[in-house]
Amino acid sequence: MHLWTPGLGDTGVLALIGMALGLGFARTWRPPLRMPRWMPLTAAFVGSVMLVPVGVLGTGLRVAVALGLAKPSLEGVSPWVFDVIYPWFLAWGLAMGTAAVGYHYRTRGVCRACGRGRPAFVGHAGAEGPPTREEAETTTL
C-alpha cells in the first residue's frame, strides 16, 4: 500500500481541503485573504454533493447487510470501511453543507432592491448605530 494507492492519497488530499474549508467557515474569510465568496461556497457544494450520496449508499449497504437483505461481493474492501468510513462521509458532507449555508447567510451583504440583509465585513457599529442603506451599498464582498 502506497500514498498513491487509489482511495488513499486522493482521500487524504481531499480531507485536507475539507479541513481548510471547515476552518474557513468557522472563521469567516476576511481580509487580507480577500477570497471571493463563490470559491469556498463552490468547493463546499461540490464536496457535499460528492460525500452525501457515497455516505448514504455505503451506510445503507451496511444496514442492508446487517438486516440480511443483501449479500454484496466485497472484494478489495474491508468490512470495517462500511462501519467507520462511510458514516463519516455522510456526517462530513451534511456538516459541510450546513456550514456553507451559514457562511452564505453571514456574507451575503445587503440586497440592492429591498435593503434587507446586513453589510458584509463591516466593523462593529459604534454609538452612531447601524449603517444606513446608502452606507451599506458601498460595502464590497
N, C-alpha and C. Protein backbone atom coordinates (compact mmCIF):
# COMPACT_ATOMS: atom_id res chain seq x y z
N MET A 1 0.85 -1.17 0.00
CA MET A 1 0.00 0.00 0.00
C MET A 1 0.90 1.24 0.00
N HIS A 2 0.62 2.16 -0.90
CA HIS A 2 1.39 3.39 -1.02
C HIS A 2 0.47 4.59 -0.96
N LEU A 3 1.08 5.78 -0.86
CA LEU A 3 0.29 7.01 -0.82
C LEU A 3 -0.51 7.19 -2.09
N TRP A 4 0.00 6.70 -3.22
CA TRP A 4 -0.70 6.85 -4.49
C TRP A 4 -1.67 5.72 -4.77
N THR A 5 -1.89 4.82 -3.82
CA THR A 5 -2.88 3.76 -3.97
C THR A 5 -4.26 4.40 -4.12
N PRO A 6 -5.04 3.98 -5.11
CA PRO A 6 -6.37 4.59 -5.30
C PRO A 6 -7.20 4.54 -4.02
N GLY A 7 -7.76 5.67 -3.68
CA GLY A 7 -8.60 5.76 -2.50
C GLY A 7 -7.87 6.18 -1.24
N LEU A 8 -6.54 6.24 -1.27
CA LEU A 8 -5.80 6.63 -0.07
C LEU A 8 -5.24 8.04 -0.21
N GLY A 9 -4.39 8.26 -1.19
CA GLY A 9 -3.77 9.57 -1.37
C GLY A 9 -4.77 10.64 -1.73
N ASP A 10 -5.68 10.33 -2.66
CA ASP A 10 -6.67 11.33 -3.06
C ASP A 10 -7.63 11.64 -1.93
N THR A 11 -7.98 10.65 -1.14
CA THR A 11 -8.85 10.90 0.01
C THR A 11 -8.15 11.77 1.04
N GLY A 12 -6.86 11.56 1.24
CA GLY A 12 -6.10 12.39 2.17
C GLY A 12 -6.03 13.84 1.72
N VAL A 13 -5.78 14.06 0.43
CA VAL A 13 -5.73 15.43 -0.10
C VAL A 13 -7.09 16.10 0.03
N LEU A 14 -8.15 15.39 -0.34
CA LEU A 14 -9.49 15.96 -0.23
C LEU A 14 -9.86 16.23 1.23
N ALA A 15 -9.37 15.39 2.15
CA ALA A 15 -9.63 15.63 3.57
C ALA A 15 -8.95 16.91 4.03
N LEU A 16 -7.73 17.16 3.57
CA LEU A 16 -7.05 18.41 3.92
C LEU A 16 -7.79 19.63 3.38
N ILE A 17 -8.28 19.54 2.15
CA ILE A 17 -9.06 20.63 1.58
C ILE A 17 -10.34 20.85 2.40
N GLY A 18 -10.99 19.76 2.77
CA GLY A 18 -12.20 19.85 3.58
C GLY A 18 -11.94 20.47 4.95
N MET A 19 -10.78 20.13 5.55
CA MET A 19 -10.44 20.73 6.84
C MET A 19 -10.22 22.24 6.70
N ALA A 20 -9.55 22.65 5.63
CA ALA A 20 -9.34 24.08 5.39
C ALA A 20 -10.68 24.79 5.20
N LEU A 21 -11.60 24.17 4.46
CA LEU A 21 -12.93 24.76 4.29
C LEU A 21 -13.66 24.86 5.62
N GLY A 22 -13.57 23.81 6.42
CA GLY A 22 -14.23 23.84 7.72
C GLY A 22 -13.72 24.95 8.61
N LEU A 23 -12.40 25.12 8.63
CA LEU A 23 -11.83 26.22 9.41
C LEU A 23 -12.26 27.57 8.85
N GLY A 24 -12.30 27.67 7.53
CA GLY A 24 -12.72 28.93 6.91
C GLY A 24 -14.17 29.27 7.18
N PHE A 25 -15.02 28.26 7.24
CA PHE A 25 -16.43 28.52 7.52
C PHE A 25 -16.66 28.82 8.99
N ALA A 26 -15.85 28.23 9.86
CA ALA A 26 -15.97 28.52 11.28
C ALA A 26 -15.51 29.94 11.59
N ARG A 27 -14.51 30.38 10.84
CA ARG A 27 -13.97 31.73 10.97
C ARG A 27 -14.05 32.37 9.60
N THR A 28 -14.98 33.27 9.41
CA THR A 28 -15.27 33.84 8.10
C THR A 28 -14.01 34.35 7.43
N TRP A 29 -13.88 34.06 6.13
CA TRP A 29 -12.73 34.53 5.35
C TRP A 29 -12.77 36.06 5.35
N ARG A 30 -11.77 36.68 5.86
CA ARG A 30 -11.73 38.14 5.93
C ARG A 30 -10.41 38.64 5.33
N PRO A 31 -10.35 39.92 5.04
CA PRO A 31 -9.08 40.48 4.56
C PRO A 31 -7.98 40.15 5.57
N PRO A 32 -6.76 39.92 5.19
CA PRO A 32 -6.16 40.21 3.90
C PRO A 32 -6.30 39.09 2.87
N LEU A 33 -6.98 38.02 3.18
CA LEU A 33 -7.11 36.92 2.22
C LEU A 33 -7.90 37.34 0.99
N ARG A 34 -8.95 38.09 1.17
CA ARG A 34 -9.78 38.61 0.08
C ARG A 34 -10.17 37.52 -0.92
N MET A 35 -10.70 36.46 -0.42
CA MET A 35 -11.15 35.37 -1.29
C MET A 35 -12.59 35.65 -1.71
N PRO A 36 -12.90 35.54 -3.00
CA PRO A 36 -14.29 35.72 -3.42
C PRO A 36 -15.17 34.66 -2.76
N ARG A 37 -16.33 35.05 -2.33
CA ARG A 37 -17.17 34.13 -1.55
C ARG A 37 -17.65 32.94 -2.37
N TRP A 38 -17.67 33.04 -3.69
CA TRP A 38 -18.12 31.92 -4.50
C TRP A 38 -17.12 30.75 -4.47
N MET A 39 -15.85 31.03 -4.19
CA MET A 39 -14.85 29.96 -4.19
C MET A 39 -15.09 28.93 -3.08
N PRO A 40 -15.15 29.35 -1.81
CA PRO A 40 -15.41 28.34 -0.77
C PRO A 40 -16.82 27.76 -0.87
N LEU A 41 -17.79 28.57 -1.33
CA LEU A 41 -19.15 28.04 -1.46
C LEU A 41 -19.21 26.96 -2.54
N THR A 42 -18.52 27.16 -3.65
CA THR A 42 -18.49 26.16 -4.71
C THR A 42 -17.80 24.89 -4.24
N ALA A 43 -16.66 25.05 -3.57
CA ALA A 43 -15.94 23.88 -3.07
C ALA A 43 -16.79 23.09 -2.06
N ALA A 44 -17.49 23.80 -1.19
CA ALA A 44 -18.35 23.12 -0.21
C ALA A 44 -19.52 22.43 -0.89
N PHE A 45 -20.10 23.07 -1.90
CA PHE A 45 -21.21 22.45 -2.62
C PHE A 45 -20.75 21.16 -3.31
N VAL A 46 -19.62 21.23 -4.00
CA VAL A 46 -19.11 20.05 -4.70
C VAL A 46 -18.76 18.95 -3.69
N GLY A 47 -18.12 19.33 -2.58
CA GLY A 47 -17.79 18.34 -1.55
C GLY A 47 -19.03 17.68 -0.96
N SER A 48 -20.05 18.47 -0.67
CA SER A 48 -21.28 17.90 -0.12
C SER A 48 -21.97 16.98 -1.12
N VAL A 49 -22.01 17.41 -2.38
CA VAL A 49 -22.66 16.59 -3.41
C VAL A 49 -21.90 15.28 -3.63
N MET A 50 -20.60 15.28 -3.39
CA MET A 50 -19.83 14.05 -3.54
C MET A 50 -19.92 13.16 -2.30
N LEU A 51 -19.90 13.76 -1.11
CA LEU A 51 -19.82 12.97 0.11
C LEU A 51 -21.16 12.38 0.55
N VAL A 52 -22.22 13.15 0.45
CA VAL A 52 -23.51 12.68 0.97
C VAL A 52 -24.02 11.43 0.25
N PRO A 53 -24.05 11.37 -1.08
CA PRO A 53 -24.54 10.15 -1.72
C PRO A 53 -23.68 8.92 -1.42
N VAL A 54 -22.35 9.11 -1.39
CA VAL A 54 -21.47 7.97 -1.08
C VAL A 54 -21.72 7.50 0.35
N GLY A 55 -21.87 8.45 1.27
CA GLY A 55 -22.15 8.09 2.65
C GLY A 55 -23.49 7.39 2.82
N VAL A 56 -24.50 7.87 2.11
CA VAL A 56 -25.83 7.24 2.18
C VAL A 56 -25.78 5.82 1.61
N LEU A 57 -25.15 5.67 0.45
CA LEU A 57 -25.09 4.34 -0.17
C LEU A 57 -24.26 3.36 0.66
N GLY A 58 -23.10 3.80 1.15
CA GLY A 58 -22.25 2.92 1.95
C GLY A 58 -22.90 2.53 3.27
N THR A 59 -23.48 3.51 3.94
CA THR A 59 -24.15 3.22 5.21
C THR A 59 -25.40 2.38 4.98
N GLY A 60 -26.14 2.68 3.92
CA GLY A 60 -27.34 1.89 3.59
C GLY A 60 -26.99 0.46 3.26
N LEU A 61 -25.88 0.25 2.54
CA LEU A 61 -25.45 -1.12 2.23
C LEU A 61 -25.09 -1.88 3.50
N ARG A 62 -24.43 -1.19 4.44
CA ARG A 62 -24.06 -1.84 5.71
C ARG A 62 -25.31 -2.23 6.49
N VAL A 63 -26.29 -1.36 6.50
CA VAL A 63 -27.55 -1.66 7.21
C VAL A 63 -28.26 -2.83 6.52
N ALA A 64 -28.27 -2.84 5.19
CA ALA A 64 -28.91 -3.93 4.45
C ALA A 64 -28.21 -5.26 4.72
N VAL A 65 -26.89 -5.25 4.80
CA VAL A 65 -26.15 -6.48 5.12
C VAL A 65 -26.45 -6.93 6.54
N ALA A 66 -26.50 -5.99 7.48
CA ALA A 66 -26.79 -6.32 8.87
C ALA A 66 -28.19 -6.92 9.03
N LEU A 67 -29.14 -6.45 8.21
CA LEU A 67 -30.51 -6.98 8.28
C LEU A 67 -30.69 -8.24 7.45
N GLY A 68 -29.65 -8.65 6.74
CA GLY A 68 -29.73 -9.84 5.90
C GLY A 68 -30.45 -9.62 4.58
N LEU A 69 -30.58 -8.39 4.16
CA LEU A 69 -31.28 -8.08 2.91
C LEU A 69 -30.35 -8.10 1.70
N ALA A 70 -29.04 -8.08 1.92
CA ALA A 70 -28.10 -8.03 0.80
C ALA A 70 -26.88 -8.89 1.12
N LYS A 71 -26.29 -9.46 0.10
CA LYS A 71 -25.05 -10.22 0.21
C LYS A 71 -24.09 -9.72 -0.87
N PRO A 72 -23.47 -8.54 -0.66
CA PRO A 72 -22.61 -7.98 -1.70
C PRO A 72 -21.25 -8.67 -1.75
N SER A 73 -20.62 -8.58 -2.89
CA SER A 73 -19.25 -9.06 -3.04
C SER A 73 -18.33 -7.90 -2.66
N LEU A 74 -17.54 -8.09 -1.63
CA LEU A 74 -16.70 -7.01 -1.12
C LEU A 74 -15.23 -7.25 -1.43
N GLU A 75 -14.92 -7.66 -2.64
CA GLU A 75 -13.54 -7.92 -3.00
C GLU A 75 -12.74 -6.62 -2.96
N GLY A 76 -11.66 -6.62 -2.18
CA GLY A 76 -10.78 -5.47 -2.10
C GLY A 76 -11.22 -4.41 -1.10
N VAL A 77 -12.36 -4.58 -0.45
CA VAL A 77 -12.83 -3.60 0.53
C VAL A 77 -13.02 -4.32 1.87
N SER A 78 -12.38 -3.79 2.90
CA SER A 78 -12.53 -4.37 4.23
C SER A 78 -13.90 -4.01 4.81
N PRO A 79 -14.49 -4.93 5.55
CA PRO A 79 -15.82 -4.63 6.14
C PRO A 79 -15.83 -3.43 7.08
N TRP A 80 -14.69 -3.15 7.75
CA TRP A 80 -14.67 -2.02 8.67
C TRP A 80 -14.88 -0.68 7.96
N VAL A 81 -14.60 -0.62 6.68
CA VAL A 81 -14.80 0.62 5.93
C VAL A 81 -16.27 1.01 5.96
N PHE A 82 -17.16 0.03 5.88
CA PHE A 82 -18.60 0.31 5.90
C PHE A 82 -19.07 0.72 7.29
N ASP A 83 -18.34 0.30 8.33
CA ASP A 83 -18.72 0.66 9.69
C ASP A 83 -18.17 2.02 10.11
N VAL A 84 -17.02 2.41 9.56
CA VAL A 84 -16.34 3.62 10.03
C VAL A 84 -16.34 4.72 8.98
N ILE A 85 -15.87 4.44 7.79
CA ILE A 85 -15.61 5.49 6.80
C ILE A 85 -16.89 6.07 6.22
N TYR A 86 -17.80 5.23 5.76
CA TYR A 86 -18.99 5.75 5.08
C TYR A 86 -19.92 6.56 5.97
N PRO A 87 -20.12 6.18 7.23
CA PRO A 87 -20.91 7.08 8.09
C PRO A 87 -20.25 8.44 8.29
N TRP A 88 -18.92 8.47 8.34
CA TRP A 88 -18.22 9.75 8.48
C TRP A 88 -18.31 10.57 7.21
N PHE A 89 -18.29 9.91 6.05
CA PHE A 89 -18.51 10.64 4.80
C PHE A 89 -19.87 11.33 4.83
N LEU A 90 -20.87 10.62 5.27
CA LEU A 90 -22.22 11.18 5.36
C LEU A 90 -22.25 12.36 6.33
N ALA A 91 -21.69 12.17 7.52
CA ALA A 91 -21.69 13.24 8.52
C ALA A 91 -20.91 14.46 8.04
N TRP A 92 -19.75 14.24 7.42
CA TRP A 92 -18.94 15.36 6.95
C TRP A 92 -19.63 16.10 5.81
N GLY A 93 -20.26 15.38 4.92
CA GLY A 93 -20.98 16.04 3.82
C GLY A 93 -22.13 16.90 4.32
N LEU A 94 -22.89 16.38 5.26
CA LEU A 94 -24.00 17.16 5.83
C LEU A 94 -23.49 18.36 6.61
N ALA A 95 -22.41 18.18 7.37
CA ALA A 95 -21.85 19.29 8.14
C ALA A 95 -21.29 20.37 7.22
N MET A 96 -20.62 19.95 6.14
CA MET A 96 -20.06 20.93 5.21
C MET A 96 -21.16 21.71 4.51
N GLY A 97 -22.23 21.04 4.12
CA GLY A 97 -23.36 21.74 3.51
C GLY A 97 -24.00 22.73 4.46
N THR A 98 -24.17 22.33 5.71
CA THR A 98 -24.76 23.21 6.72
C THR A 98 -23.86 24.42 6.98
N ALA A 99 -22.56 24.18 7.08
CA ALA A 99 -21.61 25.29 7.31
C ALA A 99 -21.60 26.25 6.12
N ALA A 100 -21.71 25.71 4.90
CA ALA A 100 -21.72 26.56 3.71
C ALA A 100 -22.97 27.44 3.67
N VAL A 101 -24.10 26.89 4.07
CA VAL A 101 -25.33 27.69 4.11
C VAL A 101 -25.18 28.81 5.14
N GLY A 102 -24.62 28.50 6.30
CA GLY A 102 -24.38 29.52 7.31
C GLY A 102 -23.42 30.60 6.82
N TYR A 103 -22.36 30.19 6.13
CA TYR A 103 -21.41 31.14 5.56
C TYR A 103 -22.09 32.03 4.52
N HIS A 104 -22.94 31.44 3.71
CA HIS A 104 -23.67 32.22 2.71
C HIS A 104 -24.51 33.30 3.37
N TYR A 105 -25.25 32.95 4.42
CA TYR A 105 -26.10 33.93 5.08
C TYR A 105 -25.29 34.99 5.82
N ARG A 106 -24.12 34.62 6.36
CA ARG A 106 -23.29 35.60 7.06
C ARG A 106 -22.64 36.59 6.11
N THR A 107 -22.39 36.20 4.88
CA THR A 107 -21.60 37.04 3.97
C THR A 107 -22.39 37.57 2.78
N ARG A 108 -23.70 37.43 2.78
CA ARG A 108 -24.47 37.76 1.58
C ARG A 108 -24.59 39.25 1.32
N GLY A 109 -24.39 40.10 2.31
CA GLY A 109 -24.49 41.54 2.10
C GLY A 109 -25.92 42.04 2.08
N VAL A 110 -26.09 43.28 1.65
CA VAL A 110 -27.39 43.93 1.64
C VAL A 110 -27.98 43.83 0.24
N CYS A 111 -29.26 43.52 0.18
CA CYS A 111 -29.97 43.45 -1.10
C CYS A 111 -30.12 44.86 -1.65
N ARG A 112 -29.74 45.06 -2.89
CA ARG A 112 -29.84 46.39 -3.51
C ARG A 112 -31.28 46.78 -3.81
N ALA A 113 -32.15 45.79 -3.98
CA ALA A 113 -33.54 46.09 -4.32
C ALA A 113 -34.36 46.47 -3.09
N CYS A 114 -34.26 45.68 -2.02
CA CYS A 114 -35.13 45.92 -0.87
C CYS A 114 -34.40 46.44 0.36
N GLY A 115 -33.06 46.34 0.40
CA GLY A 115 -32.31 46.84 1.54
C GLY A 115 -32.23 45.88 2.70
N ARG A 116 -32.75 44.67 2.55
CA ARG A 116 -32.68 43.70 3.64
C ARG A 116 -31.30 43.06 3.68
N GLY A 117 -31.01 42.45 4.80
CA GLY A 117 -29.71 41.83 4.98
C GLY A 117 -28.84 42.72 5.84
N ARG A 118 -27.58 42.39 5.89
CA ARG A 118 -26.66 43.21 6.67
C ARG A 118 -25.37 43.37 5.88
N PRO A 119 -24.66 44.44 6.14
CA PRO A 119 -23.41 44.65 5.41
C PRO A 119 -22.41 43.54 5.72
N ALA A 120 -21.70 43.10 4.71
CA ALA A 120 -20.70 42.06 4.89
C ALA A 120 -19.36 42.70 5.23
N PHE A 121 -18.66 42.12 6.18
CA PHE A 121 -17.30 42.50 6.54
C PHE A 121 -17.18 43.96 6.98
N VAL A 122 -18.16 44.46 7.71
CA VAL A 122 -18.11 45.82 8.24
C VAL A 122 -17.82 45.70 9.72
N GLY A 123 -17.00 46.60 10.24
CA GLY A 123 -16.67 46.58 11.66
C GLY A 123 -17.90 46.80 12.52
N HIS A 124 -17.74 46.68 13.83
CA HIS A 124 -18.87 46.85 14.74
C HIS A 124 -19.40 48.27 14.69
N ALA A 125 -20.71 48.40 14.79
CA ALA A 125 -21.33 49.72 14.78
C ALA A 125 -21.02 50.42 16.10
N GLY A 126 -20.64 51.66 16.02
CA GLY A 126 -20.34 52.43 17.23
C GLY A 126 -21.59 53.05 17.80
N ALA A 127 -21.43 54.20 18.43
CA ALA A 127 -22.56 54.88 19.06
C ALA A 127 -23.52 55.44 18.03
N GLU A 128 -23.05 55.62 16.79
CA GLU A 128 -23.93 56.19 15.76
C GLU A 128 -24.97 55.19 15.29
N GLY A 129 -24.89 53.94 15.66
CA GLY A 129 -25.90 52.96 15.28
C GLY A 129 -25.52 52.22 14.01
N PRO A 130 -26.41 51.38 13.52
CA PRO A 130 -26.11 50.60 12.33
C PRO A 130 -26.01 51.49 11.09
N PRO A 131 -25.29 51.03 10.07
CA PRO A 131 -25.14 51.86 8.86
C PRO A 131 -26.47 52.00 8.13
N THR A 132 -26.60 53.10 7.42
CA THR A 132 -27.80 53.33 6.63
C THR A 132 -27.73 52.50 5.36
N ARG A 133 -28.83 52.51 4.60
CA ARG A 133 -28.87 51.73 3.36
C ARG A 133 -27.82 52.22 2.37
N GLU A 134 -27.62 53.53 2.28
CA GLU A 134 -26.64 54.09 1.35
C GLU A 134 -25.23 53.67 1.74
N GLU A 135 -24.93 53.69 3.04
CA GLU A 135 -23.61 53.27 3.51
C GLU A 135 -23.40 51.79 3.24
N ALA A 136 -24.45 50.99 3.42
CA ALA A 136 -24.34 49.55 3.25
C ALA A 136 -24.11 49.19 1.79
N GLU A 137 -24.65 49.97 0.86
CA GLU A 137 -24.48 49.67 -0.56
C GLU A 137 -23.05 49.81 -1.01
N THR A 138 -22.23 50.58 -0.29
CA THR A 138 -20.85 50.76 -0.69
C THR A 138 -19.95 49.64 -0.19
N THR A 139 -20.48 48.73 0.60
CA THR A 139 -19.70 47.61 1.12
C THR A 139 -19.39 46.63 0.01
N THR A 140 -18.15 46.19 -0.05
CA THR A 140 -17.75 45.20 -1.05
C THR A 140 -17.60 43.85 -0.39
N LEU A 141 -17.79 42.82 -1.18
CA LEU A 141 -17.63 41.47 -0.66
C LEU A 141 -16.26 40.96 -0.93
